[in-house]
Structure formats: C-alpha cells, structure tokens
Protein backbone atom coordinates (compact mmCIF):
# COMPACT_ATOMS: atom_id res chain seq x y z
CA MET A 1 0.09 0.06 -0.25
CA LYS A 2 1.22 3.43 -0.82
CA ARG A 3 2.57 5.83 2.11
CA ARG A 4 -0.53 8.15 1.09
CA HIS A 5 -2.97 5.54 1.59
CA GLU A 6 -1.51 4.59 4.66
CA VAL A 7 -1.82 7.78 5.88
CA LEU A 8 -5.35 8.42 4.56
CA PHE A 9 -6.16 4.93 6.67
CA GLU A 10 -4.58 6.34 9.84
CA GLN A 11 -6.41 9.88 9.45
CA LEU A 12 -9.81 7.94 8.80
CA ASN A 13 -8.99 6.11 12.35
CA THR A 14 -7.60 8.96 13.98
CA TYR A 15 -10.70 11.60 13.46
CA ARG A 16 -13.14 8.57 14.38
CA SER A 17 -11.17 7.89 17.49
CA GLU A 18 -11.59 11.60 18.43
CA LEU A 19 -15.43 11.58 17.56
CA LEU A 20 -15.80 8.59 19.73
CA GLU A 21 -14.06 9.92 22.55
CA MET A 22 -15.97 13.19 22.37
CA VAL A 23 -19.06 11.57 23.23
CA ALA A 24 -17.81 8.93 25.38
CA GLU A 25 -19.58 10.78 28.25
CA VAL A 26 -22.82 11.62 26.78
CA SER A 27 -25.73 9.82 28.05
CA GLU A 28 -28.57 8.03 25.87
CA THR A 29 -30.79 11.13 27.09
CA GLU A 30 -28.51 14.04 26.44
CA ALA A 31 -27.84 11.97 23.14
CA ASP A 32 -31.74 12.59 21.75
CA ILE A 33 -31.84 15.89 23.17
CA ILE A 34 -32.66 19.04 20.40
CA PRO A 35 -31.42 21.84 22.09
CA GLN A 36 -33.03 24.99 21.57
CA GLY A 37 -32.02 26.55 17.98
CA PHE A 38 -31.08 23.20 16.55
CA ASN A 39 -32.84 20.93 14.19
CA ASN A 40 -30.95 17.61 15.15
CA ASN A 41 -29.22 16.25 18.22
CA ILE A 42 -25.98 14.05 18.84
CA ARG A 43 -27.60 10.66 18.03
CA TRP A 44 -28.54 12.10 14.56
CA ASN A 45 -25.24 13.02 13.77
CA LEU A 46 -23.69 10.07 14.75
CA GLY A 47 -25.78 8.24 12.31
CA HIS A 48 -25.34 10.70 9.91
CA ILE A 49 -21.68 10.17 9.93
CA TYR A 50 -21.70 6.57 9.58
CA VAL A 51 -24.30 6.80 6.66
CA ASP A 52 -22.66 9.24 4.59
CA GLN A 53 -19.26 7.68 4.27
CA TYR A 54 -20.97 4.44 2.67
CA LEU A 55 -23.46 6.49 0.57
CA TRP A 56 -20.99 8.62 -1.03
CA ILE A 57 -18.75 5.37 -1.73
CA GLN A 58 -22.07 3.97 -3.16
CA ALA A 59 -22.81 6.75 -5.13
CA LEU A 60 -19.33 6.69 -7.08
CA THR A 61 -18.85 3.12 -7.04
CA LYS A 62 -22.92 1.98 -7.90
CA GLU A 63 -22.28 -1.04 -5.64
CA ASP A 64 -24.30 -1.96 -2.79
CA ILE A 65 -22.63 -1.07 0.51
CA PRO A 66 -23.02 -3.22 3.47
CA PHE A 67 -25.09 -0.64 5.99
CA PRO A 68 -28.10 -1.82 7.87
CA MET A 69 -31.74 -1.40 6.48
CA GLY A 70 -33.42 1.92 7.51
CA PHE A 71 -30.43 3.72 8.17
CA ASN A 72 -30.76 6.04 5.05
CA GLU A 73 -34.16 6.93 6.20
CA TRP A 74 -33.25 7.53 9.62
CA PHE A 75 -29.76 9.30 9.16
CA GLY A 76 -29.52 10.50 5.56
CA TYR A 77 -29.26 13.70 4.06
CA GLY A 78 -32.88 15.83 4.93
CA THR A 79 -33.63 13.32 7.59
CA SER A 80 -34.79 14.41 11.01
CA PRO A 81 -34.58 12.69 14.70
CA TYR A 82 -38.23 13.99 14.77
CA ARG A 83 -38.67 10.79 12.44
CA PHE A 84 -36.85 8.33 14.26
CA THR A 85 -38.96 5.14 15.15
CA ASP A 86 -38.63 2.17 18.05
CA GLU A 87 -36.40 0.64 15.47
CA THR A 88 -34.00 3.44 14.95
CA PRO A 89 -30.79 2.69 16.54
CA THR A 90 -30.35 4.25 19.89
CA PHE A 91 -27.16 6.16 20.67
CA SER A 92 -25.28 3.15 22.49
CA GLU A 93 -26.02 0.91 19.35
CA LEU A 94 -24.54 3.61 16.92
CA ILE A 95 -21.03 3.23 18.86
CA PRO A 96 -19.67 0.07 17.95
CA ILE A 97 -20.80 0.23 14.35
CA LEU A 98 -18.85 3.32 14.27
CA GLN A 99 -15.80 2.11 15.70
CA LEU A 100 -15.63 -0.71 13.39
CA GLN A 101 -16.71 1.51 10.06
CA PRO A 102 -12.96 2.59 9.36
CA GLN A 103 -11.83 -1.12 9.45
CA VAL A 104 -14.54 -2.34 7.38
CA ILE A 105 -13.57 0.44 4.80
CA GLN A 106 -10.19 -0.12 4.82
CA GLU A 107 -10.79 -4.03 4.21
CA LEU A 108 -13.06 -3.37 1.47
CA TYR A 109 -11.19 -0.81 -0.34
CA GLN A 110 -7.61 -0.23 0.29
CA ASP A 111 -6.90 -2.14 -2.71
CA ARG A 112 -9.08 0.06 -4.63
CA LEU A 113 -8.35 3.59 -3.72
CA GLU A 114 -7.24 4.51 -7.16
CA GLU A 115 -9.81 2.66 -9.20
CA GLU A 116 -11.39 5.12 -11.68
CA PHE A 117 -15.19 5.57 -11.74
CA THR A 118 -17.51 7.97 -13.63
CA PRO A 119 -16.72 11.24 -11.94
CA THR A 120 -19.34 12.70 -9.34
CA GLU A 121 -20.75 16.06 -9.98
CA MET A 122 -17.84 17.57 -7.63
CA GLY A 123 -15.38 15.69 -9.91
CA MET A 124 -14.35 12.95 -7.59
CA HIS A 125 -13.79 9.55 -9.39
CA THR A 126 -11.59 7.47 -7.04
CA ILE A 127 -12.58 6.19 -3.55
CA GLU A 128 -9.25 7.81 -2.33
CA GLN A 129 -10.90 11.02 -3.16
CA MET A 130 -13.96 10.33 -1.55
CA LEU A 131 -12.74 9.33 1.46
CA ILE A 132 -11.15 12.70 1.73
CA ARG A 133 -14.56 14.28 1.34
CA THR A 134 -15.87 12.24 3.88
CA ILE A 135 -13.09 12.98 6.42
CA PHE A 136 -13.90 16.59 5.90
CA HIS A 137 -17.85 15.96 6.52
CA GLU A 138 -17.22 14.04 9.76
CA GLY A 139 -15.20 16.81 10.91
CA LEU A 140 -17.94 19.59 10.03
CA HIS A 141 -20.41 17.01 12.09
CA MET A 142 -17.79 16.71 15.07
CA GLY A 143 -18.23 20.61 15.24
CA ALA A 144 -22.03 20.60 15.24
CA ILE A 145 -21.50 18.00 17.81
CA GLN A 146 -19.45 20.10 20.05
CA ALA A 147 -22.11 22.93 19.47
CA LEU A 148 -24.78 20.96 20.56
CA MET A 149 -22.69 19.69 23.83
CA ARG A 150 -22.26 23.35 24.45
CA GLN A 151 -25.94 24.24 24.29
CA LEU A 152 -26.88 21.31 26.14
CA ARG A 153 -24.23 22.39 29.02
CA LYS A 154 -26.08 25.73 29.07
CA GLU A 155 -30.02 24.25 28.84
CA VAL A 156 -29.58 21.28 31.41
CA GLY A 157 -26.59 22.84 33.58
CA GLU A 158 -24.63 19.54 33.49
CA SER A 159 -21.00 19.36 32.69
CA LEU A 160 -20.96 17.54 29.34
CA THR A 161 -17.18 17.02 28.26
CA TYR A 162 -15.91 17.68 24.88
C-alpha cells in the first residue's frame, strides 16, 4: 500500500477515535435532546456520519454497501430525529458500528483506492478522493456535535465533556 493510502487510513481511524472520545461521556438521554436553535441531536449526527461515508462510496462505485436497512431513512441527507422510530438505533447501538467502520472500509477498499469511476458532480472519480471528502464531512459534524454539547450544558446545567 502506498504511503499516502496508509496516511489516509490513519486519518480515518484517528478522526473516528477523536469523535468517539468526544461523545464517550454523553448519556442516551443527552444524545437525544434537540437543544433550542438546533434541528437535530447528537444521535442523529453520529448516524449521519456513519451513513454518509457509505453513501458517497456507493454513489461513486454504484455497488451495494453493507450498512443496515433503515439507516438512510433515519440518518440520510434531509432526515430528522423527529422521524425516528422504535427501530432507529440508539446512541449506544451506534457507537460500536462507528468504531468498526474505518476497519470495514479499509478491508473493502484498500486495494481499490485509485480505481477510476465515472466522476461525481464534484469531479471525484476515485474512492481515495471520496474518503477525503467524507473525512472533511465528519469534521463538520464533529463541530456540530461540539456545538450541541455546549448548548446542552447551558440548557441542562450539567458538565458535558467535549
């Protein structure tokens, strides 16, 4: 594997570890609160990060991706935690699949990172380029989660870590 590919997977793992460390002290209840001024919660953001990574790869490769049924309806673009059902994974159910996702992606795609596909509307045409985009996206949602945690701390008066 090329060194830049090793670095890409190191970043995928590192940022995911940072995300999970950031929410390690969040409770199920806190993960489901939608603070004033927000339209989603921590649980939605975590599910969205998980789904987004797979959906972008799927959009590029046109191949089925191994994520559970219902996830796109709960966590895809334009969805809302107001539409969660009893079947929607809980905060604690999302954590282990988020932990495993970087490893799954590496196992599935480490030998295909430079494979050429029809370019997306953003001009990305390799899985390597797509993963760079999804890492950036994850960082945006980490910032959103930090903002949610700050607002939750104000509203509920508890000391959330972030």
